[in-house]
Amino acid sequence: PNPEDPKAFTYALRLAKEKDADIVLATDPDADRLGVYAKDTKTGEYVAFTGNMSGMLIAEYILREKTATGTMPENPALVTTIVTTNMTKPITQAYGVKLIEVLTGFKFIGEQIGKLEQQGRAHSYVFGFEESYGYLTGSYVRDKDGVDGAYMICEMFSYYATKGISLLDKLDELYKA
């Protein structure tokens, strides 16, 4: 199943409604892409997130948490593709993170990780994503990782839930900023 295709969520959404789940996640068979649905707390309906929506949420969360905890590396860099949302620019600017845009395809994000490592302390990779549901929070692999993305979505959901904020509320906040 392709997590970009709503049909891939047919059975999962049916079960989510039955169990009153807050989020629904699905990967493709090799688990390198992640699709997300989140329940709208106002309507009770499930809303599909695009790769850009999930990527922005993860990017802002990582940058905010690394800044707040003092774990942001020197000269941090976030890598996206040229067709990924332009909303990444204000997010990276707000946290003083260099935005690197590469050609379409996660292989170019992976290639950039290697280049950053070769440059030494010039810039440190902190996150990369593409609009086609690919995310990577670390430099330990050079390809998108749906399991890593799922972990981050769950961590974010839990964090915001403790503050009474839904993922859709946080997304609306990012749109307004």
N, C-alpha and C. Protein backbone atom coordinates (compact mmCIF):
# COMPACT_ATOMS: atom_id res chain seq x y z
N PRO A 1 0.82 -1.21 0.00
CA PRO A 1 0.00 0.00 0.00
C PRO A 1 0.86 1.26 0.00
N ASN A 2 0.44 2.22 -0.73
CA ASN A 2 1.12 3.50 -0.82
C ASN A 2 0.49 4.45 0.20
N PRO A 3 1.23 4.92 1.19
CA PRO A 3 0.63 5.79 2.22
C PRO A 3 0.18 7.15 1.68
N GLU A 4 0.52 7.46 0.44
CA GLU A 4 0.02 8.69 -0.18
C GLU A 4 -1.40 8.49 -0.73
N ASP A 5 -1.83 7.24 -0.85
CA ASP A 5 -3.14 6.92 -1.40
C ASP A 5 -4.14 6.72 -0.26
N PRO A 6 -5.20 7.51 -0.22
CA PRO A 6 -6.20 7.36 0.86
C PRO A 6 -6.76 5.95 0.97
N LYS A 7 -6.80 5.20 -0.13
CA LYS A 7 -7.32 3.82 -0.08
C LYS A 7 -6.49 2.93 0.84
N ALA A 8 -5.22 3.25 1.00
CA ALA A 8 -4.34 2.46 1.87
C ALA A 8 -4.78 2.55 3.33
N PHE A 9 -5.59 3.55 3.65
CA PHE A 9 -6.04 3.77 5.02
C PHE A 9 -7.46 3.26 5.28
N THR A 10 -8.10 2.66 4.30
CA THR A 10 -9.50 2.27 4.43
C THR A 10 -9.77 1.47 5.71
N TYR A 11 -9.06 0.38 5.90
CA TYR A 11 -9.30 -0.48 7.06
C TYR A 11 -8.79 0.15 8.35
N ALA A 12 -7.67 0.83 8.26
CA ALA A 12 -7.11 1.48 9.45
C ALA A 12 -8.05 2.57 9.96
N LEU A 13 -8.63 3.34 9.06
CA LEU A 13 -9.56 4.40 9.49
C LEU A 13 -10.84 3.82 10.06
N ARG A 14 -11.28 2.72 9.51
CA ARG A 14 -12.46 2.04 10.06
C ARG A 14 -12.19 1.62 11.51
N LEU A 15 -11.03 1.02 11.74
CA LEU A 15 -10.66 0.60 13.10
C LEU A 15 -10.43 1.82 14.00
N ALA A 16 -9.82 2.86 13.46
CA ALA A 16 -9.58 4.08 14.24
C ALA A 16 -10.89 4.67 14.75
N LYS A 17 -11.90 4.71 13.89
CA LYS A 17 -13.21 5.24 14.30
C LYS A 17 -13.83 4.36 15.37
N GLU A 18 -13.72 3.05 15.20
CA GLU A 18 -14.26 2.11 16.17
C GLU A 18 -13.60 2.26 17.54
N LYS A 19 -12.27 2.48 17.56
CA LYS A 19 -11.51 2.58 18.80
C LYS A 19 -11.33 4.01 19.29
N ASP A 20 -11.82 4.97 18.50
CA ASP A 20 -11.66 6.40 18.82
C ASP A 20 -10.19 6.80 18.93
N ALA A 21 -9.41 6.34 17.97
CA ALA A 21 -7.97 6.65 17.93
C ALA A 21 -7.74 8.12 17.60
N ASP A 22 -6.65 8.65 18.06
CA ASP A 22 -6.31 10.04 17.79
C ASP A 22 -5.50 10.22 16.51
N ILE A 23 -4.62 9.26 16.22
CA ILE A 23 -3.82 9.32 15.00
C ILE A 23 -3.80 7.94 14.35
N VAL A 24 -3.57 7.95 13.04
CA VAL A 24 -3.48 6.72 12.27
C VAL A 24 -2.24 6.84 11.39
N LEU A 25 -1.39 5.84 11.44
CA LEU A 25 -0.14 5.86 10.69
C LEU A 25 -0.07 4.65 9.77
N ALA A 26 0.55 4.84 8.61
CA ALA A 26 0.77 3.72 7.69
C ALA A 26 2.05 3.96 6.92
N THR A 27 2.80 2.89 6.71
CA THR A 27 4.00 2.96 5.88
C THR A 27 3.75 2.14 4.62
N ASP A 28 4.62 2.31 3.66
CA ASP A 28 4.62 1.45 2.50
C ASP A 28 5.30 0.14 2.90
N PRO A 29 5.30 -0.87 2.03
CA PRO A 29 5.83 -2.19 2.42
C PRO A 29 7.28 -2.18 2.92
N ASP A 30 8.14 -1.33 2.37
CA ASP A 30 9.52 -1.33 2.88
C ASP A 30 9.74 -0.27 3.96
N ALA A 31 8.67 0.32 4.43
CA ALA A 31 8.67 1.23 5.58
C ALA A 31 9.61 2.43 5.43
N ASP A 32 9.70 2.96 4.21
CA ASP A 32 10.52 4.16 4.07
C ASP A 32 9.67 5.43 3.94
N ARG A 33 8.37 5.28 3.71
CA ARG A 33 7.47 6.44 3.65
C ARG A 33 6.38 6.28 4.70
N LEU A 34 5.90 7.41 5.21
CA LEU A 34 4.91 7.39 6.28
C LEU A 34 3.74 8.30 5.94
N GLY A 35 2.54 7.75 6.02
CA GLY A 35 1.32 8.54 5.88
C GLY A 35 0.68 8.73 7.25
N VAL A 36 0.02 9.88 7.43
CA VAL A 36 -0.56 10.23 8.72
C VAL A 36 -1.97 10.77 8.55
N TYR A 37 -2.86 10.31 9.40
CA TYR A 37 -4.18 10.92 9.58
C TYR A 37 -4.27 11.29 11.06
N ALA A 38 -4.88 12.42 11.34
CA ALA A 38 -5.10 12.83 12.73
C ALA A 38 -6.57 13.21 12.90
N LYS A 39 -7.08 12.88 14.07
CA LYS A 39 -8.48 13.20 14.34
C LYS A 39 -8.60 14.68 14.66
N ASP A 40 -9.55 15.33 14.01
CA ASP A 40 -9.88 16.72 14.30
C ASP A 40 -10.72 16.72 15.57
N THR A 41 -10.20 17.31 16.63
CA THR A 41 -10.89 17.28 17.92
C THR A 41 -12.21 18.06 17.90
N LYS A 42 -12.36 18.94 16.92
CA LYS A 42 -13.59 19.73 16.82
C LYS A 42 -14.71 18.98 16.09
N THR A 43 -14.35 18.22 15.04
CA THR A 43 -15.37 17.54 14.24
C THR A 43 -15.39 16.03 14.45
N GLY A 44 -14.31 15.48 14.98
CA GLY A 44 -14.21 14.03 15.14
C GLY A 44 -13.82 13.31 13.86
N GLU A 45 -13.66 14.06 12.77
CA GLU A 45 -13.27 13.46 11.49
C GLU A 45 -11.75 13.32 11.42
N TYR A 46 -11.30 12.38 10.61
CA TYR A 46 -9.87 12.17 10.43
C TYR A 46 -9.40 12.97 9.21
N VAL A 47 -8.30 13.67 9.39
CA VAL A 47 -7.74 14.55 8.37
C VAL A 47 -6.41 13.97 7.90
N ALA A 48 -6.26 13.85 6.58
CA ALA A 48 -5.01 13.35 6.01
C ALA A 48 -3.97 14.46 6.01
N PHE A 49 -2.75 14.10 6.37
CA PHE A 49 -1.63 15.04 6.31
C PHE A 49 -0.85 14.75 5.04
N THR A 50 -0.46 15.79 4.34
CA THR A 50 0.45 15.61 3.22
C THR A 50 1.85 15.41 3.79
N GLY A 51 2.77 15.02 2.94
CA GLY A 51 4.16 14.90 3.36
C GLY A 51 4.71 16.24 3.84
N ASN A 52 4.30 17.31 3.20
CA ASN A 52 4.73 18.64 3.62
C ASN A 52 4.21 18.99 5.01
N MET A 53 2.96 18.65 5.28
CA MET A 53 2.37 18.96 6.58
C MET A 53 3.11 18.23 7.70
N SER A 54 3.29 16.92 7.53
CA SER A 54 4.01 16.14 8.54
C SER A 54 5.45 16.62 8.68
N GLY A 55 6.09 16.89 7.55
CA GLY A 55 7.48 17.36 7.57
C GLY A 55 7.65 18.67 8.30
N MET A 56 6.74 19.61 8.07
CA MET A 56 6.81 20.89 8.78
C MET A 56 6.64 20.71 10.28
N LEU A 57 5.68 19.88 10.66
CA LEU A 57 5.46 19.63 12.08
C LEU A 57 6.70 19.03 12.74
N ILE A 58 7.26 18.01 12.10
CA ILE A 58 8.45 17.37 12.66
C ILE A 58 9.62 18.35 12.70
N ALA A 59 9.82 19.10 11.62
CA ALA A 59 10.93 20.06 11.57
C ALA A 59 10.83 21.08 12.70
N GLU A 60 9.66 21.68 12.85
CA GLU A 60 9.50 22.70 13.88
C GLU A 60 9.68 22.10 15.27
N TYR A 61 9.15 20.92 15.48
CA TYR A 61 9.27 20.25 16.78
C TYR A 61 10.73 19.97 17.11
N ILE A 62 11.45 19.38 16.17
CA ILE A 62 12.87 19.07 16.41
C ILE A 62 13.67 20.33 16.69
N LEU A 63 13.48 21.35 15.87
CA LEU A 63 14.26 22.59 16.05
C LEU A 63 13.92 23.27 17.37
N ARG A 64 12.65 23.28 17.72
CA ARG A 64 12.25 23.90 18.99
C ARG A 64 12.80 23.14 20.18
N GLU A 65 12.69 21.81 20.14
CA GLU A 65 13.16 20.99 21.26
C GLU A 65 14.68 21.03 21.40
N LYS A 66 15.39 20.98 20.29
CA LYS A 66 16.85 21.06 20.36
C LYS A 66 17.30 22.41 20.89
N THR A 67 16.59 23.46 20.50
CA THR A 67 16.91 24.80 21.01
C THR A 67 16.60 24.89 22.50
N ALA A 68 15.42 24.42 22.89
CA ALA A 68 14.99 24.51 24.29
C ALA A 68 15.87 23.69 25.23
N THR A 69 16.37 22.57 24.75
CA THR A 69 17.16 21.69 25.62
C THR A 69 18.67 21.93 25.49
N GLY A 70 19.05 22.88 24.64
CA GLY A 70 20.47 23.18 24.47
C GLY A 70 21.23 22.10 23.73
N THR A 71 20.51 21.29 22.93
CA THR A 71 21.17 20.21 22.19
C THR A 71 21.32 20.50 20.69
N MET A 72 21.00 21.73 20.30
CA MET A 72 21.16 22.10 18.89
C MET A 72 22.66 22.13 18.58
N PRO A 73 23.09 21.41 17.55
CA PRO A 73 24.52 21.43 17.20
C PRO A 73 24.92 22.79 16.65
N GLU A 74 26.22 23.02 16.61
CA GLU A 74 26.72 24.24 15.98
C GLU A 74 26.39 24.19 14.50
N ASN A 75 26.04 25.32 13.94
CA ASN A 75 25.76 25.44 12.51
C ASN A 75 24.78 24.37 12.00
N PRO A 76 23.60 24.31 12.57
CA PRO A 76 22.64 23.28 12.16
C PRO A 76 22.13 23.52 10.74
N ALA A 77 21.81 22.42 10.07
CA ALA A 77 21.26 22.49 8.71
C ALA A 77 20.08 21.53 8.57
N LEU A 78 19.07 21.98 7.86
CA LEU A 78 17.91 21.17 7.53
C LEU A 78 17.89 21.05 6.01
N VAL A 79 17.62 19.85 5.50
CA VAL A 79 17.69 19.61 4.06
C VAL A 79 16.32 19.20 3.52
N THR A 80 15.89 19.87 2.46
CA THR A 80 14.65 19.52 1.77
C THR A 80 14.91 19.51 0.27
N THR A 81 13.90 19.13 -0.48
CA THR A 81 14.02 19.16 -1.94
C THR A 81 13.41 20.45 -2.48
N ILE A 82 13.71 20.74 -3.73
CA ILE A 82 13.25 22.00 -4.34
C ILE A 82 11.74 22.05 -4.52
N VAL A 83 11.05 20.92 -4.44
CA VAL A 83 9.60 20.93 -4.57
C VAL A 83 8.89 20.78 -3.23
N THR A 84 9.65 20.80 -2.15
CA THR A 84 9.07 20.74 -0.81
C THR A 84 8.55 22.14 -0.45
N THR A 85 7.61 22.19 0.45
CA THR A 85 6.95 23.44 0.82
C THR A 85 7.91 24.58 1.13
N ASN A 86 7.50 25.78 0.75
CA ASN A 86 8.28 26.99 1.08
C ASN A 86 8.13 27.37 2.55
N MET A 87 7.20 26.76 3.26
CA MET A 87 7.01 27.08 4.68
C MET A 87 8.20 26.64 5.53
N THR A 88 9.05 25.83 4.96
CA THR A 88 10.24 25.41 5.70
C THR A 88 11.17 26.60 5.94
N LYS A 89 11.17 27.56 5.02
CA LYS A 89 12.07 28.71 5.14
C LYS A 89 11.82 29.52 6.42
N PRO A 90 10.59 29.94 6.69
CA PRO A 90 10.40 30.70 7.94
C PRO A 90 10.68 29.89 9.20
N ILE A 91 10.44 28.58 9.14
CA ILE A 91 10.72 27.73 10.30
C ILE A 91 12.22 27.70 10.56
N THR A 92 13.01 27.45 9.53
CA THR A 92 14.46 27.39 9.73
C THR A 92 15.02 28.76 10.10
N GLN A 93 14.49 29.81 9.51
CA GLN A 93 14.95 31.17 9.85
C GLN A 93 14.67 31.49 11.32
N ALA A 94 13.51 31.07 11.81
CA ALA A 94 13.14 31.35 13.20
C ALA A 94 14.12 30.72 14.20
N TYR A 95 14.74 29.61 13.81
CA TYR A 95 15.65 28.91 14.70
C TYR A 95 17.12 29.07 14.31
N GLY A 96 17.38 29.90 13.32
CA GLY A 96 18.77 30.13 12.90
C GLY A 96 19.41 28.91 12.29
N VAL A 97 18.63 28.14 11.54
CA VAL A 97 19.11 26.91 10.93
C VAL A 97 19.25 27.13 9.43
N LYS A 98 20.35 26.67 8.87
CA LYS A 98 20.57 26.79 7.43
C LYS A 98 19.64 25.82 6.71
N LEU A 99 18.94 26.33 5.70
CA LEU A 99 18.09 25.50 4.86
C LEU A 99 18.84 25.18 3.59
N ILE A 100 18.97 23.90 3.30
CA ILE A 100 19.63 23.44 2.08
C ILE A 100 18.58 22.75 1.23
N GLU A 101 18.39 23.24 0.01
CA GLU A 101 17.44 22.63 -0.91
C GLU A 101 18.21 21.88 -1.99
N VAL A 102 17.78 20.66 -2.24
CA VAL A 102 18.44 19.80 -3.23
C VAL A 102 17.41 19.38 -4.28
N LEU A 103 17.88 18.71 -5.31
CA LEU A 103 16.99 18.21 -6.34
C LEU A 103 16.00 17.21 -5.75
N THR A 104 14.92 16.96 -6.47
CA THR A 104 13.88 16.05 -6.02
C THR A 104 14.42 14.62 -5.90
N GLY A 105 14.10 13.99 -4.79
CA GLY A 105 14.53 12.62 -4.53
C GLY A 105 15.34 12.56 -3.25
N PHE A 106 14.99 11.61 -2.40
CA PHE A 106 15.66 11.54 -1.11
C PHE A 106 17.13 11.18 -1.24
N LYS A 107 17.51 10.59 -2.36
CA LYS A 107 18.93 10.26 -2.54
C LYS A 107 19.78 11.53 -2.49
N PHE A 108 19.22 12.66 -2.88
CA PHE A 108 19.96 13.91 -2.85
C PHE A 108 20.06 14.47 -1.43
N ILE A 109 19.06 14.19 -0.60
CA ILE A 109 19.14 14.55 0.81
C ILE A 109 20.23 13.69 1.47
N GLY A 110 20.21 12.39 1.19
CA GLY A 110 21.25 11.49 1.72
C GLY A 110 22.63 11.91 1.28
N GLU A 111 22.76 12.29 0.03
CA GLU A 111 24.05 12.77 -0.49
C GLU A 111 24.51 14.01 0.27
N GLN A 112 23.56 14.89 0.59
CA GLN A 112 23.90 16.12 1.31
C GLN A 112 24.38 15.81 2.74
N ILE A 113 23.82 14.79 3.35
CA ILE A 113 24.28 14.39 4.69
C ILE A 113 25.77 14.04 4.63
N GLY A 114 26.16 13.26 3.64
CA GLY A 114 27.56 12.91 3.47
C GLY A 114 28.44 14.13 3.24
N LYS A 115 27.98 15.05 2.42
CA LYS A 115 28.74 16.27 2.16
C LYS A 115 28.91 17.10 3.43
N LEU A 116 27.85 17.19 4.22
CA LEU A 116 27.94 17.95 5.48
C LEU A 116 28.95 17.31 6.42
N GLU A 117 28.94 15.99 6.48
CA GLU A 117 29.91 15.30 7.34
C GLU A 117 31.34 15.51 6.86
N GLN A 118 31.55 15.55 5.56
CA GLN A 118 32.89 15.78 5.02
C GLN A 118 33.39 17.19 5.30
N GLN A 119 32.45 18.13 5.42
CA GLN A 119 32.83 19.52 5.69
C GLN A 119 33.19 19.75 7.15
N GLY A 120 33.02 18.75 7.95
CA GLY A 120 33.35 18.89 9.38
C GLY A 120 32.31 19.74 10.10
N ARG A 121 32.75 20.78 10.74
CA ARG A 121 31.86 21.60 11.55
C ARG A 121 31.19 22.73 10.77
N ALA A 122 31.36 22.76 9.46
CA ALA A 122 30.73 23.82 8.66
C ALA A 122 29.23 23.86 8.92
N HIS A 123 28.57 22.72 8.85
CA HIS A 123 27.14 22.60 9.18
C HIS A 123 26.86 21.19 9.66
N SER A 124 25.89 21.06 10.56
CA SER A 124 25.50 19.76 11.11
C SER A 124 24.06 19.45 10.71
N TYR A 125 23.85 18.29 10.14
CA TYR A 125 22.53 17.85 9.73
C TYR A 125 21.65 17.62 10.95
N VAL A 126 20.42 18.20 10.94
CA VAL A 126 19.49 17.96 12.04
C VAL A 126 18.18 17.31 11.58
N PHE A 127 17.81 17.50 10.31
CA PHE A 127 16.57 16.89 9.82
C PHE A 127 16.50 17.08 8.31
N GLY A 128 15.84 16.13 7.66
CA GLY A 128 15.59 16.24 6.24
C GLY A 128 14.24 15.63 5.92
N PHE A 129 13.55 16.24 4.95
CA PHE A 129 12.29 15.66 4.51
C PHE A 129 11.96 16.10 3.09
N GLU A 130 11.09 15.31 2.49
CA GLU A 130 10.59 15.64 1.17
C GLU A 130 9.07 15.52 1.18
N GLU A 131 8.45 16.14 0.22
CA GLU A 131 6.99 16.18 0.15
C GLU A 131 6.37 14.81 -0.06
N SER A 132 7.12 13.87 -0.57
CA SER A 132 6.57 12.54 -0.87
C SER A 132 6.69 11.59 0.32
N TYR A 133 6.42 12.12 1.52
CA TYR A 133 6.27 11.32 2.72
C TYR A 133 7.57 10.69 3.21
N GLY A 134 8.69 11.36 2.97
CA GLY A 134 9.97 10.86 3.43
C GLY A 134 10.58 11.77 4.48
N TYR A 135 11.06 11.19 5.60
CA TYR A 135 11.60 11.96 6.73
C TYR A 135 12.82 11.23 7.27
N LEU A 136 13.76 12.01 7.80
CA LEU A 136 14.92 11.41 8.44
C LEU A 136 15.46 12.37 9.50
N THR A 137 15.45 11.91 10.75
CA THR A 137 15.86 12.78 11.86
C THR A 137 17.34 12.69 12.20
N GLY A 138 18.05 11.74 11.65
CA GLY A 138 19.47 11.60 11.96
C GLY A 138 20.27 11.25 10.74
N SER A 139 21.57 11.18 10.92
CA SER A 139 22.45 10.91 9.79
C SER A 139 22.89 9.44 9.73
N TYR A 140 22.21 8.58 10.47
CA TYR A 140 22.60 7.18 10.59
C TYR A 140 22.28 6.36 9.35
N VAL A 141 21.38 6.83 8.50
CA VAL A 141 21.12 6.21 7.20
C VAL A 141 21.09 7.33 6.16
N ARG A 142 21.08 6.98 4.92
CA ARG A 142 21.08 7.99 3.86
C ARG A 142 19.80 7.93 3.03
N ASP A 143 18.75 7.37 3.62
CA ASP A 143 17.47 7.28 2.91
C ASP A 143 16.35 7.59 3.90
N LYS A 144 15.21 7.87 3.35
CA LYS A 144 14.06 8.17 4.21
C LYS A 144 13.71 6.95 5.06
N ASP A 145 13.08 7.22 6.20
CA ASP A 145 12.82 6.16 7.17
C ASP A 145 11.44 6.37 7.77
N GLY A 146 10.47 5.57 7.31
CA GLY A 146 9.10 5.70 7.79
C GLY A 146 8.95 5.35 9.26
N VAL A 147 9.76 4.43 9.76
CA VAL A 147 9.69 4.06 11.17
C VAL A 147 10.15 5.24 12.04
N ASP A 148 11.23 5.87 11.63
CA ASP A 148 11.73 7.06 12.33
C ASP A 148 10.67 8.16 12.30
N GLY A 149 10.04 8.36 11.15
CA GLY A 149 8.98 9.36 11.04
C GLY A 149 7.81 9.04 11.96
N ALA A 150 7.43 7.75 12.03
CA ALA A 150 6.32 7.34 12.90
C ALA A 150 6.65 7.62 14.36
N TYR A 151 7.87 7.32 14.73
CA TYR A 151 8.31 7.61 16.11
C TYR A 151 8.16 9.10 16.40
N MET A 152 8.60 9.95 15.47
CA MET A 152 8.54 11.39 15.70
C MET A 152 7.10 11.89 15.76
N ILE A 153 6.24 11.37 14.91
CA ILE A 153 4.82 11.77 14.95
C ILE A 153 4.22 11.39 16.30
N CYS A 154 4.51 10.18 16.78
CA CYS A 154 3.98 9.74 18.07
C CYS A 154 4.55 10.58 19.22
N GLU A 155 5.84 10.87 19.17
CA GLU A 155 6.44 11.71 20.21
C GLU A 155 5.80 13.10 20.22
N MET A 156 5.66 13.69 19.03
CA MET A 156 5.03 15.01 18.94
C MET A 156 3.60 14.98 19.45
N PHE A 157 2.84 13.97 18.99
CA PHE A 157 1.46 13.86 19.43
C PHE A 157 1.38 13.82 20.95
N SER A 158 2.23 12.98 21.56
CA SER A 158 2.22 12.86 23.02
C SER A 158 2.59 14.17 23.70
N TYR A 159 3.61 14.82 23.20
CA TYR A 159 4.06 16.10 23.77
C TYR A 159 2.93 17.13 23.71
N TYR A 160 2.36 17.31 22.54
CA TYR A 160 1.31 18.32 22.39
C TYR A 160 0.06 17.95 23.17
N ALA A 161 -0.25 16.65 23.25
CA ALA A 161 -1.43 16.21 24.01
C ALA A 161 -1.31 16.61 25.47
N THR A 162 -0.09 16.57 26.03
CA THR A 162 0.08 16.97 27.44
C THR A 162 -0.19 18.47 27.61
N LYS A 163 -0.16 19.20 26.53
CA LYS A 163 -0.40 20.64 26.56
C LYS A 163 -1.79 20.99 26.05
N GLY A 164 -2.60 19.96 25.74
CA GLY A 164 -3.96 20.19 25.25
C GLY A 164 -4.01 20.71 23.82
N ILE A 165 -2.97 20.41 23.04
CA ILE A 165 -2.88 20.88 21.66
C ILE A 165 -2.91 19.66 20.73
N SER A 166 -3.75 19.70 19.73
CA SER A 166 -3.77 18.61 18.75
C SER A 166 -2.74 18.90 17.66
N LEU A 167 -2.41 17.88 16.88
CA LEU A 167 -1.49 18.09 15.76
C LEU A 167 -2.08 19.08 14.75
N LEU A 168 -3.40 19.04 14.58
CA LEU A 168 -4.04 20.00 13.66
C LEU A 168 -3.97 21.42 14.22
N ASP A 169 -4.11 21.56 15.55
CA ASP A 169 -3.96 22.89 16.16
C ASP A 169 -2.54 23.42 15.94
N LYS A 170 -1.56 22.57 16.12
CA LYS A 170 -0.17 22.99 15.93
C LYS A 170 0.09 23.35 14.47
N LEU A 171 -0.48 22.59 13.57
CA LEU A 171 -0.32 22.89 12.16
C LEU A 171 -0.95 24.25 11.82
N ASP A 172 -2.14 24.51 12.35
CA ASP A 172 -2.77 25.82 12.15
C ASP A 172 -1.91 26.94 12.69
N GLU A 173 -1.28 26.70 13.83
CA GLU A 173 -0.37 27.69 14.42
C GLU A 173 0.79 27.99 13.47
N LEU A 174 1.34 26.95 12.87
CA LEU A 174 2.45 27.15 11.92
C LEU A 174 1.99 27.91 10.69
N TYR A 175 0.79 27.63 10.21
CA TYR A 175 0.26 28.36 9.05
C TYR A 175 0.09 29.84 9.35
N LYS A 176 -0.30 30.15 10.58
CA LYS A 176 -0.55 31.54 10.94
C LYS A 176 0.72 32.33 11.24
N ALA A 177 1.79 31.62 11.57
CA ALA A 177 3.04 32.29 11.96
C ALA A 177 3.74 32.95 10.79
